[in-house]
Amino acid sequence: MSEVVYNRIAMLRAERGISRRELADALGVHYQTIGYLERGEYSPSLYLALRIAGFFEVTVEIIFSTAPFPRIGDSSERSA
């Protein structure tokens, strides 16, 4: 059984208008690493996950999850 880590890195980058290269430079990693992370082809170390969360100024749980994130606008997220 493979361990999958879901993330919202691409969404956070898009919201802030940050390129993969800009994020990679800020974190001290190769820009391709950001692509691998976004596609779920690579799970970050705890250290890198914490650095990503720090960069975006959110908690790690906002960015990473072991379960898929609900789709934006999903009816199950709407409150009555």
PDB file of N, CA and C in Angstrom:
ATOM      1  N   MET A   1       0.840  -1.184   0.000  1.00  0.00           N
ATOM      2  CA  MET A   1       0.000   0.000   0.000  1.00  0.00           C
ATOM      3  C   MET A   1       0.886   1.249   0.000  1.00  0.00           C
ATOM      4  N   SER A   2       0.682   2.134  -0.942  1.00  0.00           N
ATOM      5  CA  SER A   2       1.502   3.340  -1.005  1.00  0.00           C
ATOM      6  C   SER A   2       0.900   4.434  -0.123  1.00  0.00           C
ATOM      7  N   GLU A   3       1.760   5.240   0.421  1.00  0.00           N
ATOM      8  CA  GLU A   3       1.334   6.338   1.278  1.00  0.00           C
ATOM      9  C   GLU A   3       1.208   7.591   0.426  1.00  0.00           C
ATOM     10  N   VAL A   4      -0.010   8.098   0.304  1.00  0.00           N
ATOM     11  CA  VAL A   4      -0.267   9.277  -0.508  1.00  0.00           C
ATOM     12  C   VAL A   4      -0.487  10.471   0.409  1.00  0.00           C
ATOM     13  N   VAL A   5       0.162  11.571   0.087  1.00  0.00           N
ATOM     14  CA  VAL A   5      -0.040  12.825   0.799  1.00  0.00           C
ATOM     15  C   VAL A   5      -0.628  13.812  -0.196  1.00  0.00           C
ATOM     16  N   TYR A   6      -1.835  14.271   0.100  1.00  0.00           N
ATOM     17  CA  TYR A   6      -2.504  15.258  -0.751  1.00  0.00           C
ATOM     18  C   TYR A   6      -2.074  16.653  -0.307  1.00  0.00           C
ATOM     19  N   ASN A   7      -2.086  17.594  -1.257  1.00  0.00           N
ATOM     20  CA  ASN A   7      -1.673  18.945  -0.882  1.00  0.00           C
ATOM     21  C   ASN A   7      -2.406  20.006  -1.693  1.00  0.00           C
ATOM     22  N   ARG A   8      -2.314  21.212  -1.196  1.00  0.00           N
ATOM     23  CA  ARG A   8      -2.931  22.387  -1.822  1.00  0.00           C
ATOM     24  C   ARG A   8      -1.879  23.401  -2.253  1.00  0.00           C
ATOM     25  N   ILE A   9      -0.685  22.952  -2.555  1.00  0.00           N
ATOM     26  CA  ILE A   9       0.390  23.873  -2.904  1.00  0.00           C
ATOM     27  C   ILE A   9       0.035  24.670  -4.157  1.00  0.00           C
ATOM     28  N   ALA A  10      -0.436  24.002  -5.198  1.00  0.00           N
ATOM     29  CA  ALA A  10      -0.763  24.700  -6.450  1.00  0.00           C
ATOM     30  C   ALA A  10      -1.838  25.755  -6.221  1.00  0.00           C
ATOM     31  N   MET A  11      -2.845  25.432  -5.424  1.00  0.00           N
ATOM     32  CA  MET A  11      -3.916  26.383  -5.143  1.00  0.00           C
ATOM     33  C   MET A  11      -3.373  27.606  -4.402  1.00  0.00           C
ATOM     34  N   LEU A  12      -2.535  27.382  -3.406  1.00  0.00           N
ATOM     35  CA  LEU A  12      -1.961  28.493  -2.654  1.00  0.00           C
ATOM     36  C   LEU A  12      -1.046  29.347  -3.524  1.00  0.00           C
ATOM     37  N   ARG A  13      -0.277  28.693  -4.383  1.00  0.00           N
ATOM     38  CA  ARG A  13       0.590  29.450  -5.298  1.00  0.00           C
ATOM     39  C   ARG A  13      -0.248  30.326  -6.210  1.00  0.00           C
ATOM     40  N   ALA A  14      -1.323  29.735  -6.784  1.00  0.00           N
ATOM     41  CA  ALA A  14      -2.174  30.476  -7.714  1.00  0.00           C
ATOM     42  C   ALA A  14      -2.840  31.663  -7.021  1.00  0.00           C
ATOM     43  N   GLU A  15      -3.333  31.445  -5.811  1.00  0.00           N
ATOM     44  CA  GLU A  15      -3.969  32.540  -5.055  1.00  0.00           C
ATOM     45  C   GLU A  15      -3.032  33.712  -4.847  1.00  0.00           C
ATOM     46  N   ARG A  16      -1.763  33.418  -4.677  1.00  0.00           N
ATOM     47  CA  ARG A  16      -0.779  34.463  -4.372  1.00  0.00           C
ATOM     48  C   ARG A  16       0.034  34.901  -5.579  1.00  0.00           C
ATOM     49  N   GLY A  17      -0.214  34.293  -6.727  1.00  0.00           N
ATOM     50  CA  GLY A  17       0.502  34.675  -7.940  1.00  0.00           C
ATOM     51  C   GLY A  17       1.989  34.352  -7.887  1.00  0.00           C
ATOM     52  N   ILE A  18       2.321  33.212  -7.295  1.00  0.00           N
ATOM     53  CA  ILE A  18       3.718  32.805  -7.127  1.00  0.00           C
ATOM     54  C   ILE A  18       4.014  31.656  -8.088  1.00  0.00           C
ATOM     55  N   SER A  19       5.116  31.747  -8.802  1.00  0.00           N
ATOM     56  CA  SER A  19       5.505  30.674  -9.719  1.00  0.00           C
ATOM     57  C   SER A  19       6.174  29.543  -8.953  1.00  0.00           C
ATOM     58  N   ARG A  20       6.272  28.392  -9.606  1.00  0.00           N
ATOM     59  CA  ARG A  20       6.987  27.265  -8.997  1.00  0.00           C
ATOM     60  C   ARG A  20       8.419  27.651  -8.685  1.00  0.00           C
ATOM     61  N   ARG A  21       9.029  28.361  -9.603  1.00  0.00           N
ATOM     62  CA  ARG A  21      10.429  28.752  -9.421  1.00  0.00           C
ATOM     63  C   ARG A  21      10.578  29.702  -8.228  1.00  0.00           C
ATOM     64  N   GLU A  22       9.665  30.653  -8.086  1.00  0.00           N
ATOM     65  CA  GLU A  22       9.734  31.582  -6.959  1.00  0.00           C
ATOM     66  C   GLU A  22       9.596  30.849  -5.629  1.00  0.00           C
ATOM     67  N   LEU A  23       8.659  29.914  -5.569  1.00  0.00           N
ATOM     68  CA  LEU A  23       8.481  29.132  -4.353  1.00  0.00           C
ATOM     69  C   LEU A  23       9.724  28.288  -4.081  1.00  0.00           C
ATOM     70  N   ALA A  24      10.229  27.643  -5.101  1.00  0.00           N
ATOM     71  CA  ALA A  24      11.423  26.806  -4.951  1.00  0.00           C
ATOM     72  C   ALA A  24      12.607  27.632  -4.453  1.00  0.00           C
ATOM     73  N   ASP A  25      12.807  28.808  -5.040  1.00  0.00           N
ATOM     74  CA  ASP A  25      13.914  29.668  -4.619  1.00  0.00           C
ATOM     75  C   ASP A  25      13.772  30.068  -3.147  1.00  0.00           C
ATOM     76  N   ALA A  26      12.545  30.381  -2.735  1.00  0.00           N
ATOM     77  CA  ALA A  26      12.306  30.783  -1.348  1.00  0.00           C
ATOM     78  C   ALA A  26      12.565  29.630  -0.376  1.00  0.00           C
ATOM     79  N   LEU A  27      12.326  28.402  -0.839  1.00  0.00           N
ATOM     80  CA  LEU A  27      12.495  27.229   0.016  1.00  0.00           C
ATOM     81  C   LEU A  27      13.872  26.588  -0.108  1.00  0.00           C
ATOM     82  N   GLY A  28      14.627  26.988  -1.129  1.00  0.00           N
ATOM     83  CA  GLY A  28      15.947  26.405  -1.331  1.00  0.00           C
ATOM     84  C   GLY A  28      15.909  25.017  -1.936  1.00  0.00           C
ATOM     85  N   VAL A  29      14.893  24.764  -2.792  1.00  0.00           N
ATOM     86  CA  VAL A  29      14.791  23.477  -3.484  1.00  0.00           C
ATOM     87  C   VAL A  29      14.742  23.726  -4.990  1.00  0.00           C
ATOM     88  N   HIS A  30      14.880  22.679  -5.769  1.00  0.00           N
ATOM     89  CA  HIS A  30      14.784  22.790  -7.217  1.00  0.00           C
ATOM     90  C   HIS A  30      13.333  23.014  -7.613  1.00  0.00           C
ATOM     91  N   TYR A  31      13.096  23.812  -8.648  1.00  0.00           N
ATOM     92  CA  TYR A  31      11.709  24.101  -9.042  1.00  0.00           C
ATOM     93  C   TYR A  31      10.950  22.847  -9.444  1.00  0.00           C
ATOM     94  N   GLN A  32      11.651  21.831  -9.945  1.00  0.00           N
ATOM     95  CA  GLN A  32      10.963  20.586 -10.308  1.00  0.00           C
ATOM     96  C   GLN A  32      10.416  19.870  -9.073  1.00  0.00           C
ATOM     97  N   THR A  33      11.057  20.075  -7.933  1.00  0.00           N
ATOM     98  CA  THR A  33      10.567  19.483  -6.691  1.00  0.00           C
ATOM     99  C   THR A  33       9.163  19.975  -6.390  1.00  0.00           C
ATOM    100  N   ILE A  34       8.909  21.247  -6.641  1.00  0.00           N
ATOM    101  CA  ILE A  34       7.579  21.809  -6.401  1.00  0.00           C
ATOM    102  C   ILE A  34       6.563  21.123  -7.312  1.00  0.00           C
ATOM    103  N   GLY A  35       6.910  20.903  -8.561  1.00  0.00           N
ATOM    104  CA  GLY A  35       6.024  20.185  -9.476  1.00  0.00           C
ATOM    105  C   GLY A  35       5.747  18.771  -9.018  1.00  0.00           C
ATOM    106  N   TYR A  36       6.789  18.074  -8.564  1.00  0.00           N
ATOM    107  CA  TYR A  36       6.608  16.708  -8.059  1.00  0.00           C
ATOM    108  C   TYR A  36       5.672  16.694  -6.852  1.00  0.00           C
ATOM    109  N   LEU A  37       5.855  17.658  -5.965  1.00  0.00           N
ATOM    110  CA  LEU A  37       4.985  17.754  -4.790  1.00  0.00           C
ATOM    111  C   LEU A  37       3.542  18.001  -5.207  1.00  0.00           C
ATOM    112  N   GLU A  38       3.332  18.969  -6.087  1.00  0.00           N
ATOM    113  CA  GLU A  38       1.974  19.329  -6.505  1.00  0.00           C
ATOM    114  C   GLU A  38       1.249  18.172  -7.173  1.00  0.00           C
ATOM    115  N   ARG A  39       1.966  17.378  -7.920  1.00  0.00           N
ATOM    116  CA  ARG A  39       1.358  16.235  -8.616  1.00  0.00           C
ATOM    117  C   ARG A  39       1.238  14.994  -7.741  1.00  0.00           C
ATOM    118  N   GLY A  40       1.748  15.067  -6.523  1.00  0.00           N
ATOM    119  CA  GLY A  40       1.686  13.926  -5.627  1.00  0.00           C
ATOM    120  C   GLY A  40       2.694  12.842  -5.951  1.00  0.00           C
ATOM    121  N   GLU A  41       3.711  13.188  -6.729  1.00  0.00           N
ATOM    122  CA  GLU A  41       4.745  12.219  -7.096  1.00  0.00           C
ATOM    123  C   GLU A  41       5.842  12.129  -6.038  1.00  0.00           C
ATOM    124  N   TYR A  42       5.793  13.025  -5.082  1.00  0.00           N
ATOM    125  CA  TYR A  42       6.819  13.095  -4.042  1.00  0.00           C
ATOM    126  C   TYR A  42       6.155  13.621  -2.772  1.00  0.00           C
ATOM    127  N   SER A  43       6.428  12.981  -1.653  1.00  0.00           N
ATOM    128  CA  SER A  43       5.933  13.459  -0.363  1.00  0.00           C
ATOM    129  C   SER A  43       7.063  14.209   0.327  1.00  0.00           C
ATOM    130  N   PRO A  44       6.769  15.376   0.862  1.00  0.00           N
ATOM    131  CA  PRO A  44       7.839  16.167   1.460  1.00  0.00           C
ATOM    132  C   PRO A  44       8.281  15.603   2.808  1.00  0.00           C
ATOM    133  N   SER A  45       9.507  15.918   3.168  1.00  0.00           N
ATOM    134  CA  SER A  45       9.960  15.624   4.526  1.00  0.00           C
ATOM    135  C   SER A  45       9.171  16.528   5.471  1.00  0.00           C
ATOM    136  N   LEU A  46       9.171  16.191   6.729  1.00  0.00           N
ATOM    137  CA  LEU A  46       8.499  17.031   7.712  1.00  0.00           C
ATOM    138  C   LEU A  46       9.101  18.433   7.694  1.00  0.00           C
ATOM    139  N   TYR A  47      10.402  18.512   7.582  1.00  0.00           N
ATOM    140  CA  TYR A  47      11.095  19.800   7.549  1.00  0.00           C
ATOM    141  C   TYR A  47      10.605  20.649   6.374  1.00  0.00           C
ATOM    142  N   LEU A  48      10.539  20.045   5.179  1.00  0.00           N
ATOM    143  CA  LEU A  48      10.092  20.793   4.004  1.00  0.00           C
ATOM    144  C   LEU A  48       8.620  21.172   4.133  1.00  0.00           C
ATOM    145  N   ALA A  49       7.790  20.280   4.651  1.00  0.00           N
ATOM    146  CA  ALA A  49       6.365  20.587   4.846  1.00  0.00           C
ATOM    147  C   ALA A  49       6.200  21.785   5.778  1.00  0.00           C
ATOM    148  N   LEU A  50       6.973  21.818   6.851  1.00  0.00           N
ATOM    149  CA  LEU A  50       6.910  22.938   7.784  1.00  0.00           C
ATOM    150  C   LEU A  50       7.395  24.235   7.138  1.00  0.00           C
ATOM    151  N   ARG A  51       8.415  24.141   6.318  1.00  0.00           N
ATOM    152  CA  ARG A  51       8.922  25.335   5.625  1.00  0.00           C
ATOM    153  C   ARG A  51       7.901  25.861   4.628  1.00  0.00           C
ATOM    154  N   ILE A  52       7.217  24.959   3.915  1.00  0.00           N
ATOM    155  CA  ILE A  52       6.174  25.375   2.968  1.00  0.00           C
ATOM    156  C   ILE A  52       5.046  26.068   3.726  1.00  0.00           C
ATOM    157  N   ALA A  53       4.614  25.469   4.829  1.00  0.00           N
ATOM    158  CA  ALA A  53       3.554  26.080   5.637  1.00  0.00           C
ATOM    159  C   ALA A  53       3.989  27.448   6.147  1.00  0.00           C
ATOM    160  N   GLY A  54       5.221  27.549   6.583  1.00  0.00           N
ATOM    161  CA  GLY A  54       5.736  28.838   7.052  1.00  0.00           C
ATOM    162  C   GLY A  54       5.757  29.879   5.952  1.00  0.00           C
ATOM    163  N   PHE A  55       6.142  29.464   4.757  1.00  0.00           N
ATOM    164  CA  PHE A  55       6.179  30.391   3.629  1.00  0.00           C
ATOM    165  C   PHE A  55       4.792  30.968   3.363  1.00  0.00           C
ATOM    166  N   PHE A  56       3.775  30.105   3.385  1.00  0.00           N
ATOM    167  CA  PHE A  56       2.410  30.551   3.104  1.00  0.00           C
ATOM    168  C   PHE A  56       1.702  31.095   4.352  1.00  0.00           C
ATOM    169  N   GLU A  57       2.368  31.017   5.493  1.00  0.00           N
ATOM    170  CA  GLU A  57       1.826  31.513   6.764  1.00  0.00           C
ATOM    171  C   GLU A  57       0.499  30.853   7.127  1.00  0.00           C
ATOM    172  N   VAL A  58       0.465  29.527   6.982  1.00  0.00           N
ATOM    173  CA  VAL A  58      -0.693  28.717   7.368  1.00  0.00           C
ATOM    174  C   VAL A  58      -0.169  27.488   8.102  1.00  0.00           C
ATOM    175  N   THR A  59      -1.078  26.739   8.719  1.00  0.00           N
ATOM    176  CA  THR A  59      -0.659  25.502   9.385  1.00  0.00           C
ATOM    177  C   THR A  59      -0.424  24.406   8.347  1.00  0.00           C
ATOM    178  N   VAL A  60       0.341  23.423   8.727  1.00  0.00           N
ATOM    179  CA  VAL A  60       0.639  22.297   7.835  1.00  0.00           C
ATOM    180  C   VAL A  60      -0.653  21.610   7.387  1.00  0.00           C
ATOM    181  N   GLU A  61      -1.637  21.507   8.291  1.00  0.00           N
ATOM    182  CA  GLU A  61      -2.900  20.831   7.975  1.00  0.00           C
ATOM    183  C   GLU A  61      -3.705  21.549   6.897  1.00  0.00           C
ATOM    184  N   ILE A  62      -3.485  22.839   6.724  1.00  0.00           N
ATOM    185  CA  ILE A  62      -4.167  23.577   5.653  1.00  0.00           C
ATOM    186  C   ILE A  62      -3.638  23.118   4.294  1.00  0.00           C
ATOM    187  N   ILE A  63      -2.360  22.755   4.240  1.00  0.00           N
ATOM    188  CA  ILE A  63      -1.715  22.406   2.963  1.00  0.00           C
ATOM    189  C   ILE A  63      -1.702  20.912   2.697  1.00  0.00           C
ATOM    190  N   PHE A  64      -1.449  20.102   3.723  1.00  0.00           N
ATOM    191  CA  PHE A  64      -1.233  18.672   3.529  1.00  0.00           C
ATOM    192  C   PHE A  64      -2.282  17.838   4.255  1.00  0.00           C
ATOM    193  N   SER A  65      -2.624  16.695   3.649  1.00  0.00           N
ATOM    194  CA  SER A  65      -3.593  15.777   4.243  1.00  0.00           C
ATOM    195  C   SER A  65      -3.344  14.364   3.730  1.00  0.00           C
ATOM    196  N   THR A  66      -3.714  13.375   4.532  1.00  0.00           N
ATOM    197  CA  THR A  66      -3.636  11.982   4.082  1.00  0.00           C
ATOM    198  C   THR A  66      -4.924  11.559   3.387  1.00  0.00           C
ATOM    199  N   ALA A  67      -5.937  12.424   3.406  1.00  0.00           N
ATOM    200  CA  ALA A  67      -7.203  12.179   2.695  1.00  0.00           C
ATOM    201  C   ALA A  67      -7.388  13.274   1.655  1.00  0.00           C
ATOM    202  N   PRO A  68      -8.050  12.964   0.550  1.00  0.00           N
ATOM    203  CA  PRO A  68      -8.269  14.000  -0.468  1.00  0.00           C
ATOM    204  C   PRO A  68      -9.045  15.178   0.121  1.00  0.00           C
ATOM    205  N   PHE A  69      -8.684  16.378  -0.312  1.00  0.00           N
ATOM    206  CA  PHE A  69      -9.411  17.566   0.099  1.00  0.00           C
ATOM    207  C   PHE A  69     -10.740  17.622  -0.646  1.00  0.00           C
ATOM    208  N   PRO A  70     -11.816  18.099  -0.006  1.00  0.00           N
ATOM    209  CA  PRO A  70     -13.082  18.253  -0.732  1.00  0.00           C
ATOM    210  C   PRO A  70     -12.914  19.282  -1.840  1.00  0.00           C
ATOM    211  N   ARG A  71     -13.626  19.082  -2.915  1.00  0.00           N
ATOM    212  CA  ARG A  71     -13.567  20.022  -4.030  1.00  0.00           C
ATOM    213  C   ARG A  71     -14.243  21.320  -3.618  1.00  0.00           C
ATOM    214  N   ILE A  72     -13.704  22.431  -4.075  1.00  0.00           N
ATOM    215  CA  ILE A  72     -14.304  23.726  -3.781  1.00  0.00           C
ATOM    216  C   ILE A  72     -15.692  23.759  -4.400  1.00  0.00           C
ATOM    217  N   GLY A  73     -16.677  24.166  -3.599  1.00  0.00           N
ATOM    218  CA  GLY A  73     -18.045  24.213  -4.090  1.00  0.00           C
ATOM    219  C   GLY A  73     -18.795  22.911  -3.929  1.00  0.00           C
ATOM    220  N   ASP A  74     -18.130  21.911  -3.329  1.00  0.00           N
ATOM    221  CA  ASP A  74     -18.794  20.619  -3.098  1.00  0.00           C
ATOM    222  C   ASP A  74     -19.983  20.840  -2.186  1.00  0.00           C
ATOM    223  N   SER A  75     -21.123  20.277  -2.507  1.00  0.00           N
ATOM    224  CA  SER A  75     -22.350  20.492  -1.733  1.00  0.00           C
ATOM    225  C   SER A  75     -22.208  20.021  -0.294  1.00  0.00           C
ATOM    226  N   SER A  76     -21.311  19.078  -0.005  1.00  0.00           N
ATOM    227  CA  SER A  76     -21.144  18.584   1.359  1.00  0.00           C
ATOM    228  C   SER A  76     -20.456  19.623   2.243  1.00  0.00           C
ATOM    229  N   GLU A  77     -19.817  20.631   1.646  1.00  0.00           N
ATOM    230  CA  GLU A  77     -19.154  21.675   2.421  1.00  0.00           C
ATOM    231  C   GLU A  77     -20.105  22.803   2.773  1.00  0.00           C
ATOM    232  N   ARG A  78     -21.230  22.912   2.092  1.00  0.00           N
ATOM    233  CA  ARG A  78     -22.149  24.024   2.323  1.00  0.00           C
ATOM    234  C   ARG A  78     -22.900  23.833   3.624  1.00  0.00           C
ATOM    235  N   SER A  79     -23.048  24.918   4.325  1.00  0.00           N
ATOM    236  CA  SER A  79     -23.824  24.838   5.566  1.00  0.00           C
ATOM    237  C   SER A  79     -25.265  25.189   5.274  1.00  0.00           C
ATOM    238  N   ALA A  80     -26.168  24.655   6.077  1.00  0.00           N
ATOM    239  CA  ALA A  80     -27.597  24.860   5.860  1.00  0.00           C
ATOM    240  C   ALA A  80     -28.043  26.201   6.353  1.00  0.00           C
TER     241      ALA A  80
END
